[in-house]
Amino acid sequence: MQEAYKKAQVLIEALPYFQQFDEKIVVVKLGGNAMNESSLFDDTLQDIVFMEQVGIRPVLVHGGGPYISEKLKEHDVPTKFIEGLRVTDEHTLKVVDEVFAEINASIHDTLIAKGGRATSIHGAKDRVFFAEKKTLEGRPDIDLGFVGKLSQVDVQKILELTKQGIVPVVSPLAFGKDDQAYNVNADTAAAQLAESLKAEKLVFMSNISGILRNPSDPESLLTSLTPSQVKELIGSGVIGGGMLPKVEASLHALDNGVHKVHIIDGRKHHSLLLEIFTHQGVGTQFFINEH
């Protein structure tokens, strides 16, 4: 009976969140260990099915960087990055497309196997993401190849699916006016998709716990931050390096209609449910203080 009582208490704690987020869109960027380890992958997708079953409208955007690098290595194709962007020639773009197709199918099939409903969305072929060729500011001599800068997001197909209780599983490739597919940053794609959908939440699942005041102290997690506090942390150097683009995308999303943005640890089982449906959460949330 004690165990049953604990379960009831968990459900009671979650009830206000079920009510608050009913019919609301939550965009989840899936990456890190949540994709790399099978048990975490299964738990995360079980969380997505749970969310859909209680009335939330989840939208999944996936990356695949490590898998792409691994596949290129198998093909004896060197991987080259400039300012954090993968230089994408024609062969690399073909590998990117193949890897994304495999990842997307795996996510889709697992959601179905767990009792959910899902549809695979190819960002370019399904005309969700539109892009132009990306250039580096002040470096016109550098050619990144088929790397795109998002110019437009068409959410009509995504909205139709979510209204039917179907989870869109979206790959971050974009279509150009030149009829060319472009490789775009998955974090940026997820953020701009969330903005266009006016999502209730945008959740980045990665290999970090969130924002730590002291990067060497896992107990220094900052659970809630306003944009002004984030800018202070950027100015002081607490937020920097590879975390900076994700955080900047988070702030941009807040400025453009997304209510809250979360960075959570994909290395923790069921971290998605714990972040959304508990008072304490497990990561860092960014929000605009309206008081």
C-alpha atoms as a PDB file:
ATOM      1  CA  MET A   1       0.000   0.000   0.000  1.00  0.00           C
ATOM      2  CA  GLN A   2       2.869   2.371   0.776  1.00  0.00           C
ATOM      3  CA  GLU A   3       4.219   1.906  -2.737  1.00  0.00           C
ATOM      4  CA  ALA A   4       0.775   2.522  -4.229  1.00  0.00           C
ATOM      5  CA  TYR A   5       0.435   5.677  -2.136  1.00  0.00           C
ATOM      6  CA  LYS A   6       3.743   7.001  -3.481  1.00  0.00           C
ATOM      7  CA  LYS A   7       2.551   6.403  -7.028  1.00  0.00           C
ATOM      8  CA  ALA A   8      -0.664   8.288  -6.294  1.00  0.00           C
ATOM      9  CA  GLN A   9       1.337  11.216  -4.897  1.00  0.00           C
ATOM     10  CA  VAL A  10       3.424  11.367  -8.083  1.00  0.00           C
ATOM     11  CA  LEU A  11       0.273  11.487 -10.216  1.00  0.00           C
ATOM     12  CA  ILE A  12      -1.249  14.190  -8.009  1.00  0.00           C
ATOM     13  CA  GLU A  13       1.904  16.292  -8.342  1.00  0.00           C
ATOM     14  CA  ALA A  14       1.787  15.883 -12.108  1.00  0.00           C
ATOM     15  CA  LEU A  15      -1.926  16.720 -12.489  1.00  0.00           C
ATOM     16  CA  PRO A  16      -1.549  20.541 -12.602  1.00  0.00           C
ATOM     17  CA  TYR A  17       1.035  20.127 -15.375  1.00  0.00           C
ATOM     18  CA  PHE A  18      -1.298  17.860 -17.352  1.00  0.00           C
ATOM     19  CA  GLN A  19      -3.939  20.574 -17.097  1.00  0.00           C
ATOM     20  CA  GLN A  20      -1.557  23.445 -17.870  1.00  0.00           C
ATOM     21  CA  PHE A  21      -0.005  21.849 -20.947  1.00  0.00           C
ATOM     22  CA  ASP A  22      -3.113  20.194 -22.399  1.00  0.00           C
ATOM     23  CA  GLU A  23      -3.125  20.691 -26.200  1.00  0.00           C
ATOM     24  CA  LYS A  24       0.105  22.732 -25.983  1.00  0.00           C
ATOM     25  CA  ILE A  25       3.018  22.109 -28.344  1.00  0.00           C
ATOM     26  CA  VAL A  26       6.370  21.065 -26.885  1.00  0.00           C
ATOM     27  CA  VAL A  27       9.343  20.892 -29.268  1.00  0.00           C
ATOM     28  CA  VAL A  28      12.050  18.442 -28.191  1.00  0.00           C
ATOM     29  CA  LYS A  29      15.537  18.492 -29.737  1.00  0.00           C
ATOM     30  CA  LEU A  30      16.869  14.966 -29.278  1.00  0.00           C
ATOM     31  CA  GLY A  31      20.633  14.603 -29.051  1.00  0.00           C
ATOM     32  CA  GLY A  32      23.504  13.398 -26.911  1.00  0.00           C
ATOM     33  CA  ASN A  33      23.273  10.212 -24.880  1.00  0.00           C
ATOM     34  CA  ALA A  34      19.501  10.210 -25.265  1.00  0.00           C
ATOM     35  CA  MET A  35      20.207   9.033 -28.820  1.00  0.00           C
ATOM     36  CA  ASN A  36      23.434   7.097 -28.296  1.00  0.00           C
ATOM     37  CA  GLU A  37      22.472   4.666 -25.512  1.00  0.00           C
ATOM     38  CA  SER A  38      19.645   2.238 -26.243  1.00  0.00           C
ATOM     39  CA  SER A  39      18.066   2.249 -22.758  1.00  0.00           C
ATOM     40  CA  LEU A  40      18.077   6.065 -22.610  1.00  0.00           C
ATOM     41  CA  PHE A  41      16.760   6.228 -26.171  1.00  0.00           C
ATOM     42  CA  ASP A  42      13.874   3.908 -25.260  1.00  0.00           C
ATOM     43  CA  ASP A  43      13.084   5.837 -22.061  1.00  0.00           C
ATOM     44  CA  THR A  44      13.062   9.167 -23.869  1.00  0.00           C
ATOM     45  CA  LEU A  45      10.710   7.952 -26.574  1.00  0.00           C
ATOM     46  CA  GLN A  46       8.497   6.356 -23.927  1.00  0.00           C
ATOM     47  CA  ASP A  47       8.337   9.824 -22.343  1.00  0.00           C
ATOM     48  CA  ILE A  48       7.263  11.282 -25.693  1.00  0.00           C
ATOM     49  CA  VAL A  49       4.469   8.713 -26.021  1.00  0.00           C
ATOM     50  CA  PHE A  50       3.379   9.455 -22.450  1.00  0.00           C
ATOM     51  CA  MET A  51       3.239  13.182 -23.210  1.00  0.00           C
ATOM     52  CA  GLU A  52       1.099  12.592 -26.288  1.00  0.00           C
ATOM     53  CA  GLN A  53      -1.251  10.290 -24.353  1.00  0.00           C
ATOM     54  CA  VAL A  54      -1.942  12.930 -21.666  1.00  0.00           C
ATOM     55  CA  GLY A  55      -2.856  15.591 -24.212  1.00  0.00           C
ATOM     56  CA  ILE A  56       0.446  17.354 -24.954  1.00  0.00           C
ATOM     57  CA  ARG A  57       1.478  17.782 -28.602  1.00  0.00           C
ATOM     58  CA  PRO A  58       5.170  16.849 -28.817  1.00  0.00           C
ATOM     59  CA  VAL A  59       7.283  17.584 -31.890  1.00  0.00           C
ATOM     60  CA  LEU A  60      10.673  15.854 -32.183  1.00  0.00           C
ATOM     61  CA  VAL A  61      13.712  17.267 -33.994  1.00  0.00           C
ATOM     62  CA  HIS A  62      16.804  15.048 -34.078  1.00  0.00           C
ATOM     63  CA  GLY A  63      20.463  15.612 -34.832  1.00  0.00           C
ATOM     64  CA  GLY A  64      23.071  13.010 -35.682  1.00  0.00           C
ATOM     65  CA  GLY A  65      26.526  14.595 -35.736  1.00  0.00           C
ATOM     66  CA  PRO A  66      28.540  11.719 -34.222  1.00  0.00           C
ATOM     67  CA  TYR A  67      26.834   9.163 -36.488  1.00  0.00           C
ATOM     68  CA  ILE A  68      27.614  11.285 -39.538  1.00  0.00           C
ATOM     69  CA  SER A  69      31.291  11.537 -38.563  1.00  0.00           C
ATOM     70  CA  GLU A  70      31.419   7.780 -38.006  1.00  0.00           C
ATOM     71  CA  LYS A  71      29.832   7.035 -41.384  1.00  0.00           C
ATOM     72  CA  LEU A  72      32.176   9.439 -43.182  1.00  0.00           C
ATOM     73  CA  LYS A  73      35.111   7.693 -41.525  1.00  0.00           C
ATOM     74  CA  GLU A  74      33.863   4.359 -42.894  1.00  0.00           C
ATOM     75  CA  HIS A  75      33.876   5.960 -46.358  1.00  0.00           C
ATOM     76  CA  ASP A  76      37.404   7.364 -45.780  1.00  0.00           C
ATOM     77  CA  VAL A  77      36.025  10.894 -46.106  1.00  0.00           C
ATOM     78  CA  PRO A  78      37.712  13.400 -43.773  1.00  0.00           C
ATOM     79  CA  THR A  79      35.480  15.477 -41.508  1.00  0.00           C
ATOM     80  CA  LYS A  80      36.274  19.179 -41.498  1.00  0.00           C
ATOM     81  CA  PHE A  81      34.752  21.814 -39.246  1.00  0.00           C
ATOM     82  CA  ILE A  82      35.087  25.582 -39.577  1.00  0.00           C
ATOM     83  CA  GLU A  83      33.772  27.696 -36.706  1.00  0.00           C
ATOM     84  CA  GLY A  84      31.810  24.682 -35.483  1.00  0.00           C
ATOM     85  CA  LEU A  85      30.150  24.051 -38.868  1.00  0.00           C
ATOM     86  CA  ARG A  86      30.659  20.819 -40.791  1.00  0.00           C
ATOM     87  CA  VAL A  87      31.974  21.570 -44.281  1.00  0.00           C
ATOM     88  CA  THR A  88      29.468  19.730 -46.479  1.00  0.00           C
ATOM     89  CA  ASP A  89      30.437  18.750 -50.006  1.00  0.00           C
ATOM     90  CA  GLU A  90      28.181  16.661 -52.254  1.00  0.00           C
ATOM     91  CA  HIS A  91      29.396  13.313 -50.880  1.00  0.00           C
ATOM     92  CA  THR A  92      29.083  14.500 -47.280  1.00  0.00           C
ATOM     93  CA  LEU A  93      25.550  15.781 -47.921  1.00  0.00           C
ATOM     94  CA  LYS A  94      24.557  12.374 -49.276  1.00  0.00           C
ATOM     95  CA  VAL A  95      25.922  10.705 -46.121  1.00  0.00           C
ATOM     96  CA  VAL A  96      24.140  13.267 -43.928  1.00  0.00           C
ATOM     97  CA  ASP A  97      20.863  12.507 -45.702  1.00  0.00           C
ATOM     98  CA  GLU A  98      21.374   8.733 -45.321  1.00  0.00           C
ATOM     99  CA  VAL A  99      22.245   8.955 -41.626  1.00  0.00           C
ATOM    100  CA  PHE A 100      19.313  11.248 -40.882  1.00  0.00           C
ATOM    101  CA  ALA A 101      16.988   8.828 -42.690  1.00  0.00           C
ATOM    102  CA  GLU A 102      18.242   5.933 -40.526  1.00  0.00           C
ATOM    103  CA  ILE A 103      17.918   7.913 -37.283  1.00  0.00           C
ATOM    104  CA  ASN A 104      14.498   9.241 -38.225  1.00  0.00           C
ATOM    105  CA  ALA A 105      13.223   5.757 -39.089  1.00  0.00           C
ATOM    106  CA  SER A 106      14.558   4.356 -35.805  1.00  0.00           C
ATOM    107  CA  ILE A 107      12.804   7.064 -33.780  1.00  0.00           C
ATOM    108  CA  HIS A 108       9.587   6.670 -35.761  1.00  0.00           C
ATOM    109  CA  ASP A 109       9.519   2.873 -35.450  1.00  0.00           C
ATOM    110  CA  THR A 110      10.293   2.952 -31.720  1.00  0.00           C
ATOM    111  CA  LEU A 111       7.483   5.435 -31.047  1.00  0.00           C
ATOM    112  CA  ILE A 112       5.076   3.170 -32.923  1.00  0.00           C
ATOM    113  CA  ALA A 113       6.317   0.084 -31.056  1.00  0.00           C
ATOM    114  CA  LYS A 114       5.666   1.874 -27.746  1.00  0.00           C
ATOM    115  CA  GLY A 115       2.063   2.556 -28.653  1.00  0.00           C
ATOM    116  CA  GLY A 116       2.424   6.077 -30.021  1.00  0.00           C
ATOM    117  CA  ARG A 117       1.595   7.558 -33.404  1.00  0.00           C
ATOM    118  CA  ALA A 118       4.313   9.215 -35.450  1.00  0.00           C
ATOM    119  CA  THR A 119       5.185  10.460 -38.929  1.00  0.00           C
ATOM    120  CA  SER A 120       8.647  11.003 -40.397  1.00  0.00           C
ATOM    121  CA  ILE A 121       9.244  14.493 -41.754  1.00  0.00           C
ATOM    122  CA  HIS A 122      12.185  15.291 -44.058  1.00  0.00           C
ATOM    123  CA  GLY A 123      12.901  18.958 -43.480  1.00  0.00           C
ATOM    124  CA  ALA A 124      13.823  19.595 -47.124  1.00  0.00           C
ATOM    125  CA  LYS A 125      11.674  17.170 -49.130  1.00  0.00           C
ATOM    126  CA  ASP A 126       8.575  17.950 -47.057  1.00  0.00           C
ATOM    127  CA  ARG A 127       9.276  21.695 -47.407  1.00  0.00           C
ATOM    128  CA  VAL A 128       9.314  22.459 -43.695  1.00  0.00           C
ATOM    129  CA  PHE A 129      12.719  24.158 -43.528  1.00  0.00           C
ATOM    130  CA  PHE A 130      13.924  26.605 -46.175  1.00  0.00           C
ATOM    131  CA  ALA A 131      17.483  27.885 -46.317  1.00  0.00           C
ATOM    132  CA  GLU A 132      20.026  29.848 -48.277  1.00  0.00           C
ATOM    133  CA  LYS A 133      23.695  29.032 -48.583  1.00  0.00           C
ATOM    134  CA  LYS A 134      25.510  30.031 -45.407  1.00  0.00           C
ATOM    135  CA  THR A 135      28.603  32.232 -45.575  1.00  0.00           C
ATOM    136  CA  LEU A 136      30.950  33.276 -42.811  1.00  0.00           C
ATOM    137  CA  GLU A 137      30.875  36.955 -41.966  1.00  0.00           C
ATOM    138  CA  GLY A 138      34.076  38.662 -43.026  1.00  0.00           C
ATOM    139  CA  ARG A 139      35.432  35.484 -44.658  1.00  0.00           C
ATOM    140  CA  PRO A 140      34.139  35.393 -48.255  1.00  0.00           C
ATOM    141  CA  ASP A 141      37.027  33.127 -49.249  1.00  0.00           C
ATOM    142  CA  ILE A 142      35.694  30.260 -47.114  1.00  0.00           C
ATOM    143  CA  ASP A 143      33.244  27.891 -48.820  1.00  0.00           C
ATOM    144  CA  LEU A 144      31.233  25.731 -46.397  1.00  0.00           C
ATOM    145  CA  GLY A 145      29.617  23.807 -49.229  1.00  0.00           C
ATOM    146  CA  PHE A 146      25.985  22.797 -48.730  1.00  0.00           C
ATOM    147  CA  VAL A 147      25.607  24.322 -45.273  1.00  0.00           C
ATOM    148  CA  GLY A 148      22.440  26.350 -44.964  1.00  0.00           C
ATOM    149  CA  LYS A 149      21.190  29.328 -43.022  1.00  0.00           C
ATOM    150  CA  LEU A 150      17.493  28.973 -42.254  1.00  0.00           C
ATOM    151  CA  SER A 151      15.358  31.607 -43.938  1.00  0.00           C
ATOM    152  CA  GLN A 152      11.823  30.284 -43.426  1.00  0.00           C
ATOM    153  CA  VAL A 153       9.868  27.574 -41.611  1.00  0.00           C
ATOM    154  CA  ASP A 154       6.518  26.259 -42.860  1.00  0.00           C
ATOM    155  CA  VAL A 155       4.637  24.687 -39.948  1.00  0.00           C
ATOM    156  CA  GLN A 156       1.341  23.809 -41.692  1.00  0.00           C
ATOM    157  CA  LYS A 157       2.106  20.091 -42.021  1.00  0.00           C
ATOM    158  CA  ILE A 158       3.457  19.942 -38.449  1.00  0.00           C
ATOM    159  CA  LEU A 159       0.329  21.587 -37.043  1.00  0.00           C
ATOM    160  CA  GLU A 160      -1.974  19.227 -38.953  1.00  0.00           C
ATOM    161  CA  LEU A 161      -0.160  16.216 -37.526  1.00  0.00           C
ATOM    162  CA  THR A 162      -0.137  17.458 -33.920  1.00  0.00           C
ATOM    163  CA  LYS A 163      -3.857  18.195 -34.052  1.00  0.00           C
ATOM    164  CA  GLN A 164      -4.391  14.528 -34.950  1.00  0.00           C
ATOM    165  CA  GLY A 165      -2.297  13.351 -31.997  1.00  0.00           C
ATOM    166  CA  ILE A 166       0.567  12.310 -34.281  1.00  0.00           C
ATOM    167  CA  VAL A 167       4.176  13.046 -33.303  1.00  0.00           C
ATOM    168  CA  PRO A 168       6.173  14.635 -36.151  1.00  0.00           C
ATOM    169  CA  VAL A 169       9.774  13.349 -36.238  1.00  0.00           C
ATOM    170  CA  VAL A 170      11.729  16.008 -38.109  1.00  0.00           C
ATOM    171  CA  SER A 171      15.179  15.818 -39.709  1.00  0.00           C
ATOM    172  CA  PRO A 172      17.154  19.088 -39.966  1.00  0.00           C
ATOM    173  CA  LEU A 173      17.691  19.368 -43.700  1.00  0.00           C
ATOM    174  CA  ALA A 174      16.406  22.433 -45.543  1.00  0.00           C
ATOM    175  CA  PHE A 175      15.302  23.248 -49.080  1.00  0.00           C
ATOM    176  CA  GLY A 176      16.901  26.092 -51.040  1.00  0.00           C
ATOM    177  CA  LYS A 177      15.489  28.314 -53.774  1.00  0.00           C
ATOM    178  CA  ASP A 178      18.120  26.747 -56.024  1.00  0.00           C
ATOM    179  CA  ASP A 179      16.368  23.344 -55.560  1.00  0.00           C
ATOM    180  CA  GLN A 180      19.327  22.250 -53.441  1.00  0.00           C
ATOM    181  CA  ALA A 181      19.129  20.539 -50.049  1.00  0.00           C
ATOM    182  CA  TYR A 182      21.162  22.139 -47.261  1.00  0.00           C
ATOM    183  CA  ASN A 183      22.527  20.821 -43.996  1.00  0.00           C
ATOM    184  CA  VAL A 184      21.420  23.090 -41.135  1.00  0.00           C
ATOM    185  CA  ASN A 185      22.261  23.140 -37.436  1.00  0.00           C
ATOM    186  CA  ALA A 186      19.758  20.932 -35.578  1.00  0.00           C
ATOM    187  CA  ASP A 187      19.603  23.182 -32.490  1.00  0.00           C
ATOM    188  CA  THR A 188      18.847  26.196 -34.668  1.00  0.00           C
ATOM    189  CA  ALA A 189      16.262  24.231 -36.632  1.00  0.00           C
ATOM    190  CA  ALA A 190      14.510  23.123 -33.432  1.00  0.00           C
ATOM    191  CA  ALA A 191      14.532  26.655 -32.028  1.00  0.00           C
ATOM    192  CA  GLN A 192      13.138  28.260 -35.189  1.00  0.00           C
ATOM    193  CA  LEU A 193      10.512  25.537 -35.506  1.00  0.00           C
ATOM    194  CA  ALA A 194       9.448  26.184 -31.884  1.00  0.00           C
ATOM    195  CA  GLU A 195       9.249  29.907 -32.612  1.00  0.00           C
ATOM    196  CA  SER A 196       7.109  29.388 -35.711  1.00  0.00           C
ATOM    197  CA  LEU A 197       4.806  27.044 -33.782  1.00  0.00           C
ATOM    198  CA  LYS A 198       4.644  29.452 -30.797  1.00  0.00           C
ATOM    199  CA  ALA A 199       5.424  26.397 -28.703  1.00  0.00           C
ATOM    200  CA  GLU A 200       4.772  26.260 -24.986  1.00  0.00           C
ATOM    201  CA  LYS A 201       8.208  24.733 -24.461  1.00  0.00           C
ATOM    202  CA  LEU A 202      11.437  24.015 -26.295  1.00  0.00           C
ATOM    203  CA  VAL A 203      13.565  21.297 -24.706  1.00  0.00           C
ATOM    204  CA  PHE A 204      17.186  20.619 -25.639  1.00  0.00           C
ATOM    205  CA  MET A 205      18.318  17.148 -24.570  1.00  0.00           C
ATOM    206  CA  SER A 206      22.113  16.968 -24.463  1.00  0.00           C
ATOM    207  CA  ASN A 207      25.132  15.588 -22.582  1.00  0.00           C
ATOM    208  CA  ILE A 208      25.115  18.251 -19.866  1.00  0.00           C
ATOM    209  CA  SER A 209      23.022  18.798 -16.751  1.00  0.00           C
ATOM    210  CA  GLY A 210      22.146  22.375 -17.658  1.00  0.00           C
ATOM    211  CA  ILE A 211      23.867  25.629 -16.730  1.00  0.00           C
ATOM    212  CA  LEU A 212      26.371  25.225 -13.897  1.00  0.00           C
ATOM    213  CA  ARG A 213      27.568  28.293 -11.985  1.00  0.00           C
ATOM    214  CA  ASN A 214      30.815  26.398 -11.457  1.00  0.00           C
ATOM    215  CA  PRO A 215      31.474  24.058 -14.423  1.00  0.00           C
ATOM    216  CA  SER A 216      33.569  21.760 -12.227  1.00  0.00           C
ATOM    217  CA  ASP A 217      30.832  21.419  -9.597  1.00  0.00           C
ATOM    218  CA  PRO A 218      27.796  19.364 -10.706  1.00  0.00           C
ATOM    219  CA  GLU A 219      25.961  20.547  -7.577  1.00  0.00           C
ATOM    220  CA  SER A 220      26.014  24.176  -8.796  1.00  0.00           C
ATOM    221  CA  LEU A 221      23.171  23.679 -11.291  1.00  0.00           C
ATOM    222  CA  LEU A 222      21.146  26.833 -11.942  1.00  0.00           C
ATOM    223  CA  THR A 223      17.570  25.612 -12.303  1.00  0.00           C
ATOM    224  CA  SER A 224      15.856  28.827 -13.485  1.00  0.00           C
ATOM    225  CA  LEU A 225      17.262  31.833 -15.324  1.00  0.00           C
ATOM    226  CA  THR A 226      15.809  34.971 -16.893  1.00  0.00           C
ATOM    227  CA  PRO A 227      17.353  36.442 -20.065  1.00  0.00           C
ATOM    228  CA  SER A 228      19.077  39.211 -18.088  1.00  0.00           C
ATOM    229  CA  GLN A 229      20.656  36.639 -15.758  1.00  0.00           C
ATOM    230  CA  VAL A 230      21.791  34.589 -18.758  1.00  0.00           C
ATOM    231  CA  LYS A 231      23.443  37.644 -20.328  1.00  0.00           C
ATOM    232  CA  GLU A 232      25.291  38.299 -17.057  1.00  0.00           C
ATOM    233  CA  LEU A 233      26.568  34.714 -17.059  1.00  0.00           C
ATOM    234  CA  ILE A 234      27.707  35.077 -20.679  1.00  0.00           C
ATOM    235  CA  GLY A 235      29.483  38.327 -19.820  1.00  0.00           C
ATOM    236  CA  SER A 236      31.275  36.735 -16.865  1.00  0.00           C
ATOM    237  CA  GLY A 237      32.358  33.727 -18.936  1.00  0.00           C
ATOM    238  CA  VAL A 238      30.266  31.169 -17.023  1.00  0.00           C
ATOM    239  CA  ILE A 239      28.416  30.430 -20.269  1.00  0.00           C
ATOM    240  CA  GLY A 240      30.688  30.092 -23.286  1.00  0.00           C
ATOM    241  CA  GLY A 241      32.239  27.713 -25.784  1.00  0.00           C
ATOM    242  CA  GLY A 242      29.983  25.062 -27.273  1.00  0.00           C
ATOM    243  CA  MET A 243      27.148  25.982 -24.902  1.00  0.00           C
ATOM    244  CA  LEU A 244      26.865  29.524 -26.268  1.00  0.00           C
ATOM    245  CA  PRO A 245      25.004  28.769 -29.551  1.00  0.00           C
ATOM    246  CA  LYS A 246      22.410  26.650 -27.706  1.00  0.00           C
ATOM    247  CA  VAL A 247      21.878  29.372 -25.107  1.00  0.00           C
ATOM    248  CA  GLU A 248      21.653  32.116 -27.731  1.00  0.00           C
ATOM    249  CA  ALA A 249      19.082  30.038 -29.621  1.00  0.00           C
ATOM    250  CA  SER A 250      17.167  29.686 -26.342  1.00  0.00           C
ATOM    251  CA  LEU A 251      17.069  33.452 -25.771  1.00  0.00           C
ATOM    252  CA  HIS A 252      16.000  34.073 -29.369  1.00  0.00           C
ATOM    253  CA  ALA A 253      13.166  31.560 -28.946  1.00  0.00           C
ATOM    254  CA  LEU A 254      11.965  33.315 -25.787  1.00  0.00           C
ATOM    255  CA  ASP A 255      11.949  36.636 -27.642  1.00  0.00           C
ATOM    256  CA  ASN A 256       9.853  35.093 -30.400  1.00  0.00           C
ATOM    257  CA  GLY A 257       6.894  33.484 -28.701  1.00  0.00           C
ATOM    258  CA  VAL A 258       8.214  30.369 -26.940  1.00  0.00           C
ATOM    259  CA  HIS A 259       7.145  30.476 -23.285  1.00  0.00           C
ATOM    260  CA  LYS A 260       9.961  28.449 -21.726  1.00  0.00           C
ATOM    261  CA  VAL A 261      13.171  26.810 -22.916  1.00  0.00           C
ATOM    262  CA  HIS A 262      14.886  23.941 -21.099  1.00  0.00           C
ATOM    263  CA  ILE A 263      18.341  22.383 -21.312  1.00  0.00           C
ATOM    264  CA  ILE A 264      18.315  18.943 -19.708  1.00  0.00           C
ATOM    265  CA  ASP A 265      20.599  15.962 -19.312  1.00  0.00           C
ATOM    266  CA  GLY A 266      19.869  13.158 -21.757  1.00  0.00           C
ATOM    267  CA  ARG A 267      22.077  10.877 -19.664  1.00  0.00           C
ATOM    268  CA  LYS A 268      19.369  10.610 -16.997  1.00  0.00           C
ATOM    269  CA  HIS A 269      16.527   8.154 -17.418  1.00  0.00           C
ATOM    270  CA  HIS A 270      13.137   9.816 -17.983  1.00  0.00           C
ATOM    271  CA  SER A 271      14.708  13.281 -17.656  1.00  0.00           C
ATOM    272  CA  LEU A 272      12.077  14.675 -20.008  1.00  0.00           C
ATOM    273  CA  LEU A 273       9.167  13.698 -17.750  1.00  0.00           C
ATOM    274  CA  LEU A 274      11.033  14.807 -14.632  1.00  0.00           C
ATOM    275  CA  GLU A 275      11.696  18.241 -16.105  1.00  0.00           C
ATOM    276  CA  ILE A 276       8.171  18.869 -17.352  1.00  0.00           C
ATOM    277  CA  PHE A 277       5.984  17.208 -14.726  1.00  0.00           C
ATOM    278  CA  THR A 278       7.753  17.833 -11.397  1.00  0.00           C
ATOM    279  CA  HIS A 279       8.207  20.978  -9.314  1.00  0.00           C
ATOM    280  CA  GLN A 280      11.971  20.613  -9.021  1.00  0.00           C
ATOM    281  CA  GLY A 281      12.891  19.528 -12.546  1.00  0.00           C
ATOM    282  CA  VAL A 282      16.325  18.190 -13.504  1.00  0.00           C
ATOM    283  CA  GLY A 283      17.859  20.845 -15.748  1.00  0.00           C
ATOM    284  CA  THR A 284      17.912  24.585 -16.428  1.00  0.00           C
ATOM    285  CA  GLN A 285      14.849  26.471 -17.610  1.00  0.00           C
ATOM    286  CA  PHE A 286      14.918  29.907 -19.241  1.00  0.00           C
ATOM    287  CA  PHE A 287      11.871  32.091 -18.882  1.00  0.00           C
ATOM    288  CA  ILE A 288      10.822  35.718 -19.138  1.00  0.00           C
ATOM    289  CA  ASN A 289       9.921  37.133 -15.740  1.00  0.00           C
ATOM    290  CA  GLU A 290       6.633  38.911 -16.339  1.00  0.00           C
ATOM    291  CA  HIS A 291       6.366  40.360 -12.829  1.00  0.00           C
END
